[in-house]
Amino acid sequence: MKFSTKTTYGLRAMIKLAKNRGEDSVSLTTIAKDEKISAKYLERLFSKLKKNGLVTAEKGAAGGYRISREADKITVFDIIKSLEGKMTPFHCLDEDGKIYCAVKCDCGVVAVLGKVQAAVNETLKNIKLSELI
């Protein structure tokens, strides 16, 4: 399984915000510079993170972003799902592990894929943002 740069960059940015919790908001320019990530790319990521309630935005000259809740209340799964969308690495399974096979085959692989998908998702749900700080 391979996650895109959305995941890597999004996690790095969220860690930056979590480390700054309780202080001033952090601008995208600051995150982009410190993390060596394109500000334009970060804008797209933060749009998704904000839409999914993981960050809040503050407008104005001193504006920027903050995590929306304590870092121990945000999971890596929350972040990745916000950025990547559905957490279904296998085309024949939905998010809950229900079989969706266009071929309607009985190949036996689905049981293994379901276990892998469930294990990955459960692992990501058990890692809190606070553990990455």
N, C-alpha and C. Protein backbone atom coordinates (compact mmCIF):
# COMPACT_ATOMS: atom_id res chain seq x y z
N MET A 1 0.84 -1.17 0.00
CA MET A 1 0.00 0.00 0.00
C MET A 1 0.89 1.23 0.00
N LYS A 2 0.49 2.21 -0.77
CA LYS A 2 1.30 3.42 -0.87
C LYS A 2 0.40 4.64 -0.70
N PHE A 3 0.74 5.48 0.27
CA PHE A 3 0.02 6.73 0.46
C PHE A 3 0.70 7.81 -0.37
N SER A 4 -0.06 8.80 -0.78
CA SER A 4 0.48 9.87 -1.62
C SER A 4 1.20 10.92 -0.75
N THR A 5 1.76 11.91 -1.43
CA THR A 5 2.42 13.01 -0.72
C THR A 5 1.41 13.81 0.11
N LYS A 6 0.12 13.71 -0.23
CA LYS A 6 -0.90 14.38 0.59
C LYS A 6 -0.78 13.90 2.03
N THR A 7 -0.62 12.61 2.20
CA THR A 7 -0.52 12.03 3.54
C THR A 7 0.76 12.48 4.23
N THR A 8 1.87 12.33 3.56
CA THR A 8 3.16 12.70 4.17
C THR A 8 3.19 14.17 4.54
N TYR A 9 2.86 15.03 3.59
CA TYR A 9 2.90 16.47 3.84
C TYR A 9 1.84 16.89 4.84
N GLY A 10 0.66 16.31 4.75
CA GLY A 10 -0.42 16.64 5.68
C GLY A 10 -0.06 16.26 7.11
N LEU A 11 0.52 15.09 7.30
CA LEU A 11 0.95 14.68 8.63
C LEU A 11 2.04 15.62 9.16
N ARG A 12 2.98 15.96 8.32
CA ARG A 12 4.05 16.88 8.76
C ARG A 12 3.48 18.22 9.18
N ALA A 13 2.53 18.72 8.41
CA ALA A 13 1.91 20.02 8.73
C ALA A 13 1.10 19.93 10.02
N MET A 14 0.38 18.84 10.20
CA MET A 14 -0.42 18.68 11.42
C MET A 14 0.47 18.54 12.65
N ILE A 15 1.60 17.87 12.50
CA ILE A 15 2.56 17.77 13.61
C ILE A 15 3.07 19.17 13.97
N LYS A 16 3.35 19.96 12.96
CA LYS A 16 3.82 21.35 13.19
C LYS A 16 2.77 22.13 13.99
N LEU A 17 1.49 22.00 13.60
CA LEU A 17 0.43 22.70 14.31
C LEU A 17 0.28 22.17 15.74
N ALA A 18 0.37 20.87 15.89
CA ALA A 18 0.23 20.26 17.22
C ALA A 18 1.34 20.72 18.16
N LYS A 19 2.54 20.85 17.64
CA LYS A 19 3.66 21.33 18.45
C LYS A 19 3.44 22.77 18.89
N ASN A 20 2.68 23.52 18.11
CA ASN A 20 2.44 24.93 18.35
C ASN A 20 1.16 25.16 19.16
N ARG A 21 0.50 24.11 19.57
CA ARG A 21 -0.80 24.20 20.27
C ARG A 21 -0.68 25.13 21.47
N GLY A 22 -1.64 26.03 21.62
CA GLY A 22 -1.64 26.95 22.75
C GLY A 22 -0.92 28.25 22.45
N GLU A 23 -0.23 28.31 21.34
CA GLU A 23 0.46 29.54 20.95
C GLU A 23 -0.31 30.17 19.80
N ASP A 24 0.30 31.12 19.12
CA ASP A 24 -0.34 31.78 17.98
C ASP A 24 -0.60 30.77 16.87
N SER A 25 -1.54 31.13 15.99
CA SER A 25 -1.78 30.29 14.83
C SER A 25 -0.55 30.31 13.93
N VAL A 26 -0.45 29.33 13.06
CA VAL A 26 0.71 29.19 12.19
C VAL A 26 0.27 29.43 10.75
N SER A 27 0.99 30.30 10.06
CA SER A 27 0.65 30.61 8.67
C SER A 27 1.11 29.49 7.74
N LEU A 28 0.43 29.38 6.61
CA LEU A 28 0.85 28.39 5.62
C LEU A 28 2.25 28.70 5.11
N THR A 29 2.57 29.98 5.02
CA THR A 29 3.91 30.38 4.57
C THR A 29 4.97 29.83 5.52
N THR A 30 4.72 29.92 6.81
CA THR A 30 5.67 29.41 7.80
C THR A 30 5.81 27.90 7.69
N ILE A 31 4.67 27.21 7.59
CA ILE A 31 4.71 25.75 7.46
C ILE A 31 5.45 25.36 6.19
N ALA A 32 5.12 26.04 5.09
CA ALA A 32 5.75 25.74 3.80
C ALA A 32 7.27 25.90 3.89
N LYS A 33 7.70 26.99 4.50
CA LYS A 33 9.13 27.26 4.62
C LYS A 33 9.81 26.23 5.53
N ASP A 34 9.24 26.02 6.70
CA ASP A 34 9.85 25.11 7.68
C ASP A 34 9.87 23.67 7.20
N GLU A 35 8.82 23.25 6.51
CA GLU A 35 8.70 21.85 6.08
C GLU A 35 9.14 21.63 4.63
N LYS A 36 9.51 22.72 3.96
CA LYS A 36 9.95 22.64 2.56
C LYS A 36 8.88 21.98 1.67
N ILE A 37 7.65 22.55 1.79
CA ILE A 37 6.50 22.10 1.03
C ILE A 37 5.94 23.31 0.29
N SER A 38 5.47 23.12 -0.90
CA SER A 38 4.87 24.20 -1.68
C SER A 38 3.66 24.78 -0.94
N ALA A 39 3.61 26.11 -0.83
CA ALA A 39 2.49 26.78 -0.18
C ALA A 39 1.18 26.52 -0.92
N LYS A 40 1.24 26.48 -2.24
CA LYS A 40 0.04 26.20 -3.04
C LYS A 40 -0.49 24.81 -2.74
N TYR A 41 0.41 23.85 -2.62
CA TYR A 41 0.01 22.49 -2.31
C TYR A 41 -0.61 22.43 -0.91
N LEU A 42 0.01 23.13 0.04
CA LEU A 42 -0.52 23.17 1.40
C LEU A 42 -1.91 23.78 1.44
N GLU A 43 -2.16 24.79 0.61
CA GLU A 43 -3.49 25.40 0.56
C GLU A 43 -4.55 24.35 0.24
N ARG A 44 -4.27 23.49 -0.71
CA ARG A 44 -5.23 22.43 -1.08
C ARG A 44 -5.41 21.44 0.07
N LEU A 45 -4.31 21.10 0.73
CA LEU A 45 -4.40 20.16 1.84
C LEU A 45 -5.19 20.76 3.01
N PHE A 46 -4.90 22.01 3.33
CA PHE A 46 -5.56 22.64 4.46
C PHE A 46 -7.04 22.91 4.19
N SER A 47 -7.39 23.07 2.94
CA SER A 47 -8.80 23.19 2.58
C SER A 47 -9.54 21.91 2.99
N LYS A 48 -8.94 20.77 2.72
CA LYS A 48 -9.55 19.48 3.09
C LYS A 48 -9.54 19.28 4.60
N LEU A 49 -8.44 19.62 5.25
CA LEU A 49 -8.35 19.46 6.70
C LEU A 49 -9.37 20.34 7.41
N LYS A 50 -9.57 21.55 6.90
CA LYS A 50 -10.56 22.47 7.48
C LYS A 50 -11.97 21.95 7.24
N LYS A 51 -12.24 21.51 6.03
CA LYS A 51 -13.56 20.98 5.68
C LYS A 51 -13.93 19.81 6.57
N ASN A 52 -12.96 19.02 6.95
CA ASN A 52 -13.19 17.84 7.80
C ASN A 52 -13.04 18.12 9.29
N GLY A 53 -12.90 19.40 9.65
CA GLY A 53 -12.91 19.79 11.05
C GLY A 53 -11.66 19.51 11.84
N LEU A 54 -10.53 19.31 11.15
CA LEU A 54 -9.29 19.02 11.87
C LEU A 54 -8.47 20.28 12.18
N VAL A 55 -8.70 21.33 11.42
CA VAL A 55 -8.02 22.60 11.67
C VAL A 55 -9.04 23.74 11.61
N THR A 56 -8.67 24.83 12.24
CA THR A 56 -9.46 26.06 12.14
C THR A 56 -8.56 27.14 11.56
N ALA A 57 -9.17 28.07 10.86
CA ALA A 57 -8.42 29.16 10.23
C ALA A 57 -8.72 30.47 10.94
N GLU A 58 -7.69 31.28 11.07
CA GLU A 58 -7.83 32.62 11.62
C GLU A 58 -7.41 33.59 10.53
N LYS A 59 -8.29 34.52 10.22
CA LYS A 59 -8.01 35.49 9.16
C LYS A 59 -7.27 36.69 9.72
N GLY A 60 -6.72 37.47 8.81
CA GLY A 60 -6.04 38.69 9.20
C GLY A 60 -4.54 38.59 9.04
N ALA A 61 -3.87 39.70 9.36
CA ALA A 61 -2.42 39.79 9.20
C ALA A 61 -1.69 38.76 10.04
N ALA A 62 -2.22 38.47 11.22
CA ALA A 62 -1.58 37.49 12.10
C ALA A 62 -2.30 36.15 12.02
N GLY A 63 -3.05 35.95 10.96
CA GLY A 63 -3.84 34.73 10.83
C GLY A 63 -3.02 33.51 10.49
N GLY A 64 -3.69 32.42 10.45
CA GLY A 64 -3.05 31.15 10.15
C GLY A 64 -3.97 30.02 10.55
N TYR A 65 -3.37 28.90 10.90
CA TYR A 65 -4.14 27.71 11.25
C TYR A 65 -3.75 27.17 12.62
N ARG A 66 -4.72 26.48 13.22
CA ARG A 66 -4.53 25.76 14.48
C ARG A 66 -5.23 24.41 14.35
N ILE A 67 -4.77 23.43 15.11
CA ILE A 67 -5.54 22.19 15.15
C ILE A 67 -6.83 22.50 15.92
N SER A 68 -7.90 21.83 15.54
CA SER A 68 -9.21 22.16 16.08
C SER A 68 -9.49 21.58 17.46
N ARG A 69 -8.72 20.58 17.85
CA ARG A 69 -8.89 19.96 19.17
C ARG A 69 -7.55 19.43 19.64
N GLU A 70 -7.53 18.92 20.83
CA GLU A 70 -6.28 18.40 21.39
C GLU A 70 -5.71 17.30 20.50
N ALA A 71 -4.40 17.23 20.45
CA ALA A 71 -3.71 16.27 19.57
C ALA A 71 -4.00 14.82 19.95
N ASP A 72 -4.36 14.57 21.19
CA ASP A 72 -4.69 13.19 21.57
C ASP A 72 -6.12 12.81 21.18
N LYS A 73 -6.84 13.73 20.58
CA LYS A 73 -8.20 13.47 20.09
C LYS A 73 -8.25 13.36 18.57
N ILE A 74 -7.09 13.49 17.93
CA ILE A 74 -6.99 13.39 16.47
C ILE A 74 -6.13 12.17 16.15
N THR A 75 -6.65 11.30 15.30
CA THR A 75 -5.89 10.10 14.93
C THR A 75 -5.24 10.28 13.56
N VAL A 76 -4.24 9.49 13.32
CA VAL A 76 -3.60 9.48 12.00
C VAL A 76 -4.63 9.08 10.94
N PHE A 77 -5.53 8.17 11.29
CA PHE A 77 -6.61 7.78 10.38
C PHE A 77 -7.46 8.98 10.00
N ASP A 78 -7.83 9.83 10.98
CA ASP A 78 -8.62 11.03 10.71
C ASP A 78 -7.93 11.91 9.67
N ILE A 79 -6.64 12.11 9.85
CA ILE A 79 -5.88 12.99 8.97
C ILE A 79 -5.79 12.40 7.57
N ILE A 80 -5.41 11.14 7.48
CA ILE A 80 -5.25 10.51 6.17
C ILE A 80 -6.59 10.44 5.42
N LYS A 81 -7.64 10.08 6.12
CA LYS A 81 -8.95 10.00 5.47
C LYS A 81 -9.39 11.37 4.97
N SER A 82 -9.11 12.42 5.74
CA SER A 82 -9.45 13.78 5.31
C SER A 82 -8.72 14.16 4.03
N LEU A 83 -7.49 13.72 3.92
CA LEU A 83 -6.66 14.11 2.77
C LEU A 83 -6.83 13.19 1.56
N GLU A 84 -6.92 11.91 1.81
CA GLU A 84 -6.95 10.93 0.72
C GLU A 84 -8.37 10.54 0.30
N GLY A 85 -9.33 10.76 1.18
CA GLY A 85 -10.69 10.32 0.89
C GLY A 85 -10.92 8.93 1.45
N LYS A 86 -11.64 8.12 0.73
CA LYS A 86 -11.96 6.78 1.21
C LYS A 86 -10.70 5.99 1.51
N MET A 87 -10.78 5.23 2.58
CA MET A 87 -9.65 4.41 2.99
C MET A 87 -9.86 2.98 2.49
N THR A 88 -9.87 2.85 1.18
CA THR A 88 -10.09 1.55 0.56
C THR A 88 -8.96 1.26 -0.41
N PRO A 89 -7.89 0.65 0.07
CA PRO A 89 -6.76 0.39 -0.80
C PRO A 89 -7.02 -0.69 -1.85
N PHE A 90 -8.09 -1.46 -1.67
CA PHE A 90 -8.38 -2.54 -2.60
C PHE A 90 -9.68 -2.26 -3.33
N HIS A 91 -9.67 -2.38 -4.63
CA HIS A 91 -10.83 -1.99 -5.44
C HIS A 91 -12.07 -2.85 -5.20
N CYS A 92 -11.92 -4.02 -4.66
CA CYS A 92 -13.06 -4.92 -4.51
C CYS A 92 -13.68 -4.88 -3.11
N LEU A 93 -13.24 -3.95 -2.26
CA LEU A 93 -13.79 -3.81 -0.92
C LEU A 93 -14.21 -2.38 -0.67
N ASP A 94 -15.31 -2.18 0.07
CA ASP A 94 -15.66 -0.82 0.46
C ASP A 94 -14.97 -0.51 1.79
N GLU A 95 -15.24 0.66 2.37
CA GLU A 95 -14.56 1.08 3.59
C GLU A 95 -14.81 0.16 4.78
N ASP A 96 -15.94 -0.51 4.78
CA ASP A 96 -16.28 -1.41 5.89
C ASP A 96 -15.82 -2.83 5.65
N GLY A 97 -15.15 -3.07 4.51
CA GLY A 97 -14.67 -4.41 4.20
C GLY A 97 -15.70 -5.25 3.46
N LYS A 98 -16.82 -4.63 3.11
CA LYS A 98 -17.85 -5.35 2.35
C LYS A 98 -17.35 -5.58 0.93
N ILE A 99 -17.61 -6.77 0.41
CA ILE A 99 -17.13 -7.14 -0.91
C ILE A 99 -17.91 -6.40 -1.99
N TYR A 100 -17.15 -5.79 -2.88
CA TYR A 100 -17.71 -5.13 -4.04
C TYR A 100 -16.84 -5.54 -5.22
N CYS A 101 -17.24 -6.61 -5.86
CA CYS A 101 -16.43 -7.15 -6.95
C CYS A 101 -17.22 -7.09 -8.24
N ALA A 102 -16.73 -6.33 -9.20
CA ALA A 102 -17.41 -6.19 -10.48
C ALA A 102 -17.46 -7.51 -11.25
N VAL A 103 -16.49 -8.37 -11.00
CA VAL A 103 -16.40 -9.65 -11.71
C VAL A 103 -17.30 -10.70 -11.05
N LYS A 104 -17.69 -10.43 -9.79
CA LYS A 104 -18.52 -11.36 -9.02
C LYS A 104 -17.83 -12.72 -8.87
N CYS A 105 -16.55 -12.66 -8.69
CA CYS A 105 -15.78 -13.90 -8.56
C CYS A 105 -15.77 -14.39 -7.11
N ASP A 106 -15.34 -15.56 -6.94
CA ASP A 106 -15.19 -16.15 -5.61
C ASP A 106 -13.73 -16.60 -5.51
N CYS A 107 -12.83 -15.61 -5.58
CA CYS A 107 -11.42 -15.92 -5.73
C CYS A 107 -10.71 -16.27 -4.43
N GLY A 108 -11.29 -15.99 -3.31
CA GLY A 108 -10.64 -16.29 -2.04
C GLY A 108 -9.66 -15.23 -1.58
N VAL A 109 -9.26 -14.34 -2.47
CA VAL A 109 -8.31 -13.28 -2.13
C VAL A 109 -8.97 -12.22 -1.26
N VAL A 110 -10.27 -12.04 -1.44
CA VAL A 110 -10.99 -10.99 -0.73
C VAL A 110 -10.86 -11.13 0.79
N ALA A 111 -10.88 -12.34 1.30
CA ALA A 111 -10.76 -12.55 2.74
C ALA A 111 -9.42 -12.02 3.26
N VAL A 112 -8.38 -12.27 2.51
CA VAL A 112 -7.05 -11.78 2.90
C VAL A 112 -7.00 -10.26 2.80
N LEU A 113 -7.50 -9.73 1.70
CA LEU A 113 -7.48 -8.27 1.51
C LEU A 113 -8.30 -7.58 2.60
N GLY A 114 -9.42 -8.16 2.96
CA GLY A 114 -10.25 -7.60 4.02
C GLY A 114 -9.52 -7.53 5.35
N LYS A 115 -8.77 -8.57 5.66
CA LYS A 115 -7.99 -8.60 6.91
C LYS A 115 -6.89 -7.54 6.88
N VAL A 116 -6.23 -7.41 5.75
CA VAL A 116 -5.16 -6.40 5.61
C VAL A 116 -5.74 -5.00 5.77
N GLN A 117 -6.83 -4.73 5.05
CA GLN A 117 -7.45 -3.41 5.11
C GLN A 117 -7.91 -3.10 6.54
N ALA A 118 -8.55 -4.04 7.21
CA ALA A 118 -9.01 -3.83 8.58
C ALA A 118 -7.84 -3.58 9.53
N ALA A 119 -6.76 -4.32 9.37
CA ALA A 119 -5.59 -4.17 10.24
C ALA A 119 -4.92 -2.81 10.04
N VAL A 120 -4.77 -2.39 8.79
CA VAL A 120 -4.16 -1.08 8.51
C VAL A 120 -5.03 0.03 9.10
N ASN A 121 -6.32 -0.01 8.82
CA ASN A 121 -7.21 1.04 9.32
C ASN A 121 -7.24 1.07 10.84
N GLU A 122 -7.28 -0.08 11.48
CA GLU A 122 -7.30 -0.14 12.94
C GLU A 122 -6.00 0.41 13.51
N THR A 123 -4.89 0.09 12.89
CA THR A 123 -3.60 0.61 13.35
C THR A 123 -3.58 2.13 13.26
N LEU A 124 -4.03 2.67 12.14
CA LEU A 124 -4.03 4.13 11.95
C LEU A 124 -4.99 4.81 12.93
N LYS A 125 -6.07 4.16 13.27
CA LYS A 125 -7.02 4.71 14.24
C LYS A 125 -6.45 4.73 15.65
N ASN A 126 -5.49 3.87 15.92
CA ASN A 126 -4.90 3.78 17.26
C ASN A 126 -3.66 4.66 17.44
N ILE A 127 -3.24 5.36 16.42
CA ILE A 127 -2.10 6.27 16.53
C ILE A 127 -2.64 7.69 16.63
N LYS A 128 -2.38 8.33 17.73
CA LYS A 128 -2.84 9.70 17.98
C LYS A 128 -1.79 10.69 17.48
N LEU A 129 -2.25 11.84 17.05
CA LEU A 129 -1.35 12.91 16.61
C LEU A 129 -0.37 13.26 17.73
N SER A 130 -0.82 13.21 18.96
CA SER A 130 0.04 13.53 20.10
C SER A 130 1.25 12.60 20.20
N GLU A 131 1.14 11.39 19.67
CA GLU A 131 2.26 10.45 19.70
C GLU A 131 3.35 10.82 18.71
N LEU A 132 3.04 11.68 17.75
CA LEU A 132 3.99 12.05 16.72
C LEU A 132 4.76 13.32 17.03
N ILE A 133 4.39 13.97 18.10
CA ILE A 133 5.03 15.24 18.47
C ILE A 133 6.38 14.98 19.11
